[in-house]
Amino acid sequence: MASNIPQYSISDYSKFALAGAIGCGVTHGAMTPIDVVKTRIQLEPTVYNKGTIGSFRQLVAAEGAGALLTGLGPTVLGYSLQGSLKFGGYELFKKTFIDVLGYDTAARYKDGVYIASAAIAEFFADIALCPLEATRIRLVSQPTFANGLIGGFSRILKEEGVGSFYNGFTPILFKQIPYNIAKFLVFERAAEAYFGFLPTPKSELSAGTTTLVNLASGLTAGFAAAIVSQPADTLLSKVNKTKKAPGQSTLGLLAQLAKQLGVAGSFAGLPTRLIMVGTLTSLQFTIYGSLKPALGCPPAIEIGGKGH
């Protein structure tokens, strides 16, 4: 099997990254209205307490339909950058671990390879995402703060400095690294299981059937990722709106907010986020899988099976 492992070039990794950027940018951008409502529910649960549909209606009635697209610019740019590093990085680190460990060892510990690859890729992706996510949350939580991405980013930079963009870096890591681990680990395992249920060999399946399996695997992965990362997602929304007390560290602020929220408060907005994350994760893997052949990507390495 080791001799069949593809050798990737820089061009190949750039294609993986481009496919990931398009998949994440498009899906997160399309989910902006749901994300706006989810963020409002997290930040103001006593105001937006009528469920997902009721909160949609409440927001539109109070601020107009345009409010549902608040933060679209930083969402698309931030998650395009993150997606390129997330998917491209995952392929890079998975291949690196296989090369270092040897295929047989990697196959025995493939869950560990999936977990480590996803975690490292997400760390670098979050460095790119964090300033834009901070801008998005500020625009959603304070609609009069600025007119959009450039205005919001510039105002934060001018008034609060570069460091302010990374106030939420610790909680974004707590949120995104478990999220990405669950996303890729569950997707790999779900796809392996779903393809295994089919009587036809994977290599002989139609493109439509393969797409359906990717959708189902992505949906499974999305639900798992949403549940695992929900408490940190709520904290991230809070920490970007709450100013630290003089001398207070980010960890101290996180501990304070976690205590105030409690278990129930940490899962505020979960039904909305299950819909959002389940749908976008499913679509991301489907778009990613469909774009790779179109971009001329080599097959991704499937540990214990053939490339897909």
Protein backbone atom coordinates (compact mmCIF):
# COMPACT_ATOMS: atom_id res chain seq x y z
CA MET A 1 0.00 0.00 0.00
CA ALA A 2 2.82 2.41 0.82
CA SER A 3 3.94 2.47 -2.82
CA ASN A 4 0.43 3.61 -3.83
CA ILE A 5 0.43 6.68 -1.58
CA PRO A 6 0.28 9.75 -3.84
CA GLN A 7 3.12 12.26 -3.73
CA TYR A 8 1.76 15.80 -3.53
CA SER A 9 3.36 18.95 -4.93
CA ILE A 10 2.92 22.52 -3.71
CA SER A 11 0.48 22.96 -6.61
CA ASP A 12 -1.59 20.02 -5.33
CA TYR A 13 -1.81 21.49 -1.83
CA SER A 14 -2.78 24.87 -3.28
CA LYS A 15 -5.65 23.17 -5.12
CA PHE A 16 -6.80 21.46 -1.90
CA ALA A 17 -6.63 24.88 -0.22
CA LEU A 18 -8.61 26.58 -3.00
CA ALA A 19 -11.33 23.92 -2.89
CA GLY A 20 -11.53 24.32 0.90
CA ALA A 21 -11.65 28.13 0.64
CA ILE A 22 -14.53 28.04 -1.83
CA GLY A 23 -16.44 25.40 0.15
CA CYS A 24 -16.13 27.23 3.47
CA GLY A 25 -16.54 30.76 2.11
CA VAL A 26 -19.68 29.93 0.14
CA THR A 27 -21.36 27.89 2.88
CA HIS A 28 -20.60 30.24 5.77
CA GLY A 29 -21.65 33.20 3.65
CA ALA A 30 -24.96 31.51 2.81
CA MET A 31 -25.51 30.75 6.50
CA THR A 32 -25.01 34.37 7.59
CA PRO A 33 -28.72 34.98 8.43
CA ILE A 34 -28.83 31.89 10.67
CA ASP A 35 -25.51 32.84 12.26
CA VAL A 36 -26.79 36.37 12.98
CA VAL A 37 -29.85 34.99 14.78
CA LYS A 38 -27.77 32.38 16.62
CA THR A 39 -25.35 35.05 17.83
CA ARG A 40 -28.19 37.32 19.00
CA ILE A 41 -29.76 34.43 20.93
CA GLN A 42 -26.39 33.76 22.62
CA LEU A 43 -25.73 37.41 23.46
CA GLU A 44 -29.25 38.44 24.44
CA PRO A 45 -31.16 35.29 25.49
CA THR A 46 -33.72 37.31 27.48
CA VAL A 47 -34.57 39.40 24.41
CA TYR A 48 -34.43 36.68 21.76
CA ASN A 49 -36.29 33.95 23.63
CA LYS A 50 -38.89 32.84 21.10
CA GLY A 51 -36.94 30.09 19.39
CA THR A 52 -35.19 30.20 16.03
CA ILE A 53 -38.17 31.16 13.82
CA GLY A 54 -39.57 33.60 16.35
CA SER A 55 -36.16 35.26 16.72
CA PHE A 56 -35.88 35.61 12.94
CA ARG A 57 -39.23 37.40 12.86
CA GLN A 58 -38.36 39.52 15.88
CA LEU A 59 -35.06 40.66 14.37
CA VAL A 60 -36.57 41.48 10.96
CA ALA A 61 -39.44 43.39 12.59
CA ALA A 62 -37.07 45.44 14.73
CA GLU A 63 -34.21 46.11 12.31
CA GLY A 64 -35.36 45.11 8.83
CA ALA A 65 -34.41 42.17 6.60
CA GLY A 66 -31.00 43.70 5.91
CA ALA A 67 -29.99 42.94 9.50
CA LEU A 68 -29.85 39.25 8.57
CA LEU A 69 -26.80 39.95 6.39
CA THR A 70 -24.85 41.79 9.10
CA GLY A 71 -21.24 40.64 9.05
CA LEU A 72 -21.41 39.03 5.59
CA GLY A 73 -18.08 40.53 4.47
CA PRO A 74 -15.92 39.32 7.37
CA THR A 75 -17.77 36.00 7.33
CA VAL A 76 -16.95 35.24 3.68
CA LEU A 77 -13.36 36.49 3.85
CA GLY A 78 -12.60 34.98 7.27
CA TYR A 79 -13.98 31.55 6.52
CA SER A 80 -12.44 31.46 3.04
CA LEU A 81 -9.04 31.99 4.63
CA GLN A 82 -9.84 29.50 7.36
CA GLY A 83 -11.17 26.93 4.88
CA SER A 84 -8.05 27.09 2.75
CA LEU A 85 -5.82 26.39 5.76
CA LYS A 86 -8.26 23.91 7.32
CA PHE A 87 -8.69 21.61 4.32
CA GLY A 88 -5.30 22.19 2.72
CA GLY A 89 -3.59 21.86 6.09
CA TYR A 90 -5.49 18.68 6.94
CA GLU A 91 -4.28 17.01 3.74
CA LEU A 92 -0.74 18.27 4.37
CA PHE A 93 -0.50 17.07 7.96
CA LYS A 94 -2.24 13.76 7.28
CA LYS A 95 0.27 13.04 4.52
CA THR A 96 3.14 14.17 6.76
CA PHE A 97 2.09 11.85 9.59
CA ILE A 98 1.81 8.93 7.17
CA ASP A 99 5.28 9.66 5.80
CA VAL A 100 6.81 9.96 9.27
CA LEU A 101 5.03 6.99 10.86
CA GLY A 102 4.92 4.73 7.83
CA TYR A 103 1.63 3.64 6.30
CA ASP A 104 1.14 0.48 8.39
CA THR A 105 1.63 2.32 11.70
CA ALA A 106 -0.57 5.19 10.55
CA ALA A 107 -3.28 2.69 9.59
CA ARG A 108 -3.17 1.13 13.08
CA TYR A 109 -3.52 4.53 14.71
CA LYS A 110 -5.56 6.27 12.04
CA ASP A 111 -7.93 7.97 14.50
CA GLY A 112 -4.90 9.58 16.10
CA VAL A 113 -3.66 10.70 12.69
CA TYR A 114 -7.07 12.21 11.87
CA ILE A 115 -7.24 13.98 15.26
CA ALA A 116 -3.70 15.38 15.18
CA SER A 117 -3.96 16.50 11.54
CA ALA A 118 -7.27 18.27 12.16
CA ALA A 119 -6.04 19.95 15.36
CA ILE A 120 -2.80 21.31 13.88
CA ALA A 121 -4.49 22.52 10.69
CA GLU A 122 -7.16 24.29 12.72
CA PHE A 123 -4.63 26.07 14.92
CA PHE A 124 -3.10 27.81 11.91
CA ALA A 125 -6.51 28.41 10.34
CA ASP A 126 -7.69 30.18 13.50
CA ILE A 127 -4.78 32.62 13.42
CA ALA A 128 -6.19 33.84 10.10
CA LEU A 129 -9.84 33.66 11.16
CA CYS A 130 -9.72 35.35 14.56
CA PRO A 131 -9.51 39.05 13.53
CA LEU A 132 -12.35 38.66 11.05
CA GLU A 133 -14.51 36.69 13.46
CA ALA A 134 -13.99 39.40 16.08
CA THR A 135 -15.10 41.98 13.52
CA ARG A 136 -18.16 39.91 12.55
CA ILE A 137 -19.31 39.47 16.14
CA ARG A 138 -18.84 43.19 16.86
CA LEU A 139 -20.96 44.10 13.82
CA VAL A 140 -23.71 41.64 14.81
CA SER A 141 -23.76 42.58 18.50
CA GLN A 142 -23.50 46.34 17.86
CA PRO A 143 -25.33 47.10 14.59
CA THR A 144 -24.38 50.79 14.69
CA PHE A 145 -20.66 50.09 15.24
CA ALA A 146 -19.72 50.31 11.54
CA ASN A 147 -21.14 49.85 8.04
CA GLY A 148 -19.27 46.68 7.15
CA LEU A 149 -16.01 44.75 7.04
CA ILE A 150 -13.61 47.58 6.22
CA GLY A 151 -15.27 50.09 8.56
CA GLY A 152 -15.54 47.62 11.43
CA PHE A 153 -12.01 46.25 11.02
CA SER A 154 -10.52 49.74 10.73
CA ARG A 155 -12.38 51.07 13.78
CA ILE A 156 -11.33 48.18 16.01
CA LEU A 157 -7.73 48.53 14.81
CA LYS A 158 -7.69 52.29 15.40
CA GLU A 159 -9.51 52.41 18.73
CA GLU A 160 -8.41 49.18 20.38
CA GLY A 161 -5.23 48.02 18.62
CA VAL A 162 -4.18 44.77 16.99
CA GLY A 163 -4.35 42.84 20.25
CA SER A 164 -8.09 43.36 20.45
CA PHE A 165 -8.58 41.14 17.41
CA TYR A 166 -7.13 38.25 19.38
CA ASN A 167 -9.09 38.72 22.63
CA GLY A 168 -11.14 35.76 21.48
CA PHE A 169 -8.21 33.62 20.29
CA THR A 170 -8.23 31.31 23.31
CA PRO A 171 -11.98 30.62 23.17
CA ILE A 172 -11.84 30.31 19.38
CA LEU A 173 -9.22 27.58 19.82
CA PHE A 174 -11.39 25.90 22.48
CA LYS A 175 -14.28 26.07 20.02
CA GLN A 176 -12.67 25.37 16.66
CA ILE A 177 -10.10 22.69 17.51
CA PRO A 178 -12.65 20.29 19.08
CA TYR A 179 -15.04 21.26 16.29
CA ASN A 180 -12.51 20.47 13.57
CA ILE A 181 -11.40 17.24 15.23
CA ALA A 182 -15.00 16.04 15.42
CA LYS A 183 -15.67 17.30 11.89
CA PHE A 184 -12.86 15.40 10.18
CA LEU A 185 -12.72 12.36 12.47
CA VAL A 186 -16.47 11.72 12.29
CA PHE A 187 -16.56 12.46 8.55
CA GLU A 188 -13.75 9.98 7.83
CA ARG A 189 -15.37 7.30 9.98
CA ALA A 190 -18.91 7.97 8.78
CA ALA A 191 -17.88 7.90 5.13
CA GLU A 192 -16.00 4.65 5.75
CA ALA A 193 -19.09 3.14 7.36
CA TYR A 194 -21.63 4.43 4.81
CA PHE A 195 -19.57 3.32 1.82
CA GLY A 196 -19.13 -0.03 3.58
CA PHE A 197 -22.92 -0.49 3.78
CA LEU A 198 -23.28 -0.29 0.00
CA PRO A 199 -23.11 -3.52 -2.02
CA THR A 200 -21.25 -1.84 -4.88
CA PRO A 201 -17.49 -1.18 -4.55
CA LYS A 202 -16.73 2.47 -3.97
CA SER A 203 -14.72 2.79 -7.16
CA GLU A 204 -17.76 1.71 -9.19
CA LEU A 205 -20.30 4.05 -7.62
CA SER A 206 -21.89 6.83 -9.64
CA ALA A 207 -20.99 10.46 -8.96
CA GLY A 208 -24.51 11.03 -7.63
CA THR A 209 -24.23 8.20 -5.09
CA THR A 210 -20.81 9.41 -3.97
CA THR A 211 -22.23 12.92 -3.51
CA LEU A 212 -25.09 11.56 -1.39
CA VAL A 213 -22.65 9.67 0.83
CA ASN A 214 -20.55 12.83 1.24
CA LEU A 215 -23.70 14.76 2.18
CA ALA A 216 -24.75 12.15 4.75
CA SER A 217 -21.24 11.85 6.20
CA GLY A 218 -20.90 15.63 6.40
CA LEU A 219 -24.27 15.97 8.13
CA THR A 220 -23.26 13.35 10.71
CA ALA A 221 -19.94 15.11 11.25
CA GLY A 222 -21.64 18.50 11.51
CA PHE A 223 -24.03 17.42 14.25
CA ALA A 224 -21.17 15.93 16.27
CA ALA A 225 -18.99 19.01 15.77
CA ALA A 226 -21.79 21.41 16.76
CA ILE A 227 -22.48 19.65 20.06
CA VAL A 228 -18.81 19.32 21.00
CA SER A 229 -18.00 22.98 20.33
CA GLN A 230 -21.22 24.70 21.45
CA PRO A 231 -20.11 25.90 24.94
CA ALA A 232 -16.97 27.52 23.55
CA ASP A 233 -18.99 29.08 20.71
CA THR A 234 -21.22 30.77 23.26
CA LEU A 235 -18.20 31.98 25.23
CA LEU A 236 -16.66 33.36 22.03
CA SER A 237 -19.75 35.43 21.34
CA LYS A 238 -19.70 36.76 24.90
CA VAL A 239 -15.97 37.49 25.14
CA ASN A 240 -15.97 39.64 22.01
CA LYS A 241 -18.71 41.82 23.50
CA THR A 242 -17.48 41.97 27.11
CA LYS A 243 -14.59 44.22 28.11
CA LYS A 244 -12.04 42.83 30.52
CA ALA A 245 -11.71 44.41 33.96
CA PRO A 246 -8.42 46.25 34.60
CA GLY A 247 -5.69 43.65 34.98
CA GLN A 248 -8.01 40.76 34.09
CA SER A 249 -6.60 38.05 31.82
CA THR A 250 -8.50 36.46 28.96
CA LEU A 251 -8.65 33.19 30.89
CA GLY A 252 -10.01 35.07 33.90
CA LEU A 253 -12.72 36.64 31.77
CA LEU A 254 -13.57 33.24 30.29
CA ALA A 255 -13.90 31.73 33.76
CA GLN A 256 -16.13 34.62 34.84
CA LEU A 257 -18.39 34.27 31.79
CA ALA A 258 -18.55 30.47 32.07
CA LYS A 259 -19.68 30.78 35.69
CA GLN A 260 -22.35 33.32 34.75
CA LEU A 261 -23.65 31.18 31.88
CA GLY A 262 -23.80 27.81 33.62
CA VAL A 263 -24.42 24.59 31.71
CA ALA A 264 -27.81 25.63 30.32
CA GLY A 265 -26.57 29.03 29.20
CA SER A 266 -23.54 27.49 27.51
CA PHE A 267 -25.86 25.57 25.20
CA ALA A 268 -28.10 28.54 24.35
CA GLY A 269 -28.79 28.58 20.62
CA LEU A 270 -27.83 24.91 20.13
CA PRO A 271 -30.88 23.95 17.99
CA THR A 272 -30.12 26.84 15.63
CA ARG A 273 -26.45 25.92 15.52
CA LEU A 274 -27.23 22.24 14.84
CA ILE A 275 -29.18 23.32 11.77
CA MET A 276 -26.46 25.72 10.67
CA VAL A 277 -23.40 23.56 11.36
CA GLY A 278 -24.99 20.32 10.17
CA THR A 279 -26.03 21.89 6.88
CA LEU A 280 -22.84 23.82 6.19
CA THR A 281 -20.52 20.93 7.13
CA SER A 282 -22.45 18.60 4.84
CA LEU A 283 -22.28 21.11 2.00
CA GLN A 284 -18.59 21.88 2.64
CA PHE A 285 -17.51 18.28 2.22
CA THR A 286 -19.78 17.91 -0.82
CA ILE A 287 -18.44 21.07 -2.49
CA TYR A 288 -14.88 20.13 -1.56
CA GLY A 289 -15.29 16.62 -2.97
CA SER A 290 -16.87 17.95 -6.18
CA LEU A 291 -14.31 20.72 -6.74
CA LYS A 292 -11.23 18.55 -6.36
CA PRO A 293 -11.68 16.70 -9.67
CA ALA A 294 -12.60 19.95 -11.40
CA LEU A 295 -9.41 21.58 -10.14
CA GLY A 296 -7.29 18.58 -11.07
CA CYS A 297 -6.52 17.58 -7.48
CA PRO A 298 -4.97 14.16 -6.91
CA PRO A 299 -7.02 11.74 -4.75
CA ALA A 300 -6.91 12.42 -1.03
CA ILE A 301 -5.32 9.68 1.03
CA GLU A 302 -7.84 7.39 2.64
CA ILE A 303 -6.10 5.45 5.38
CA GLY A 304 -7.03 1.79 5.14
CA GLY A 305 -8.62 2.22 1.72
CA LYS A 306 -8.19 3.71 -1.71
CA GLY A 307 -7.92 7.43 -2.40
CA HIS A 308 -11.17 9.30 -2.98
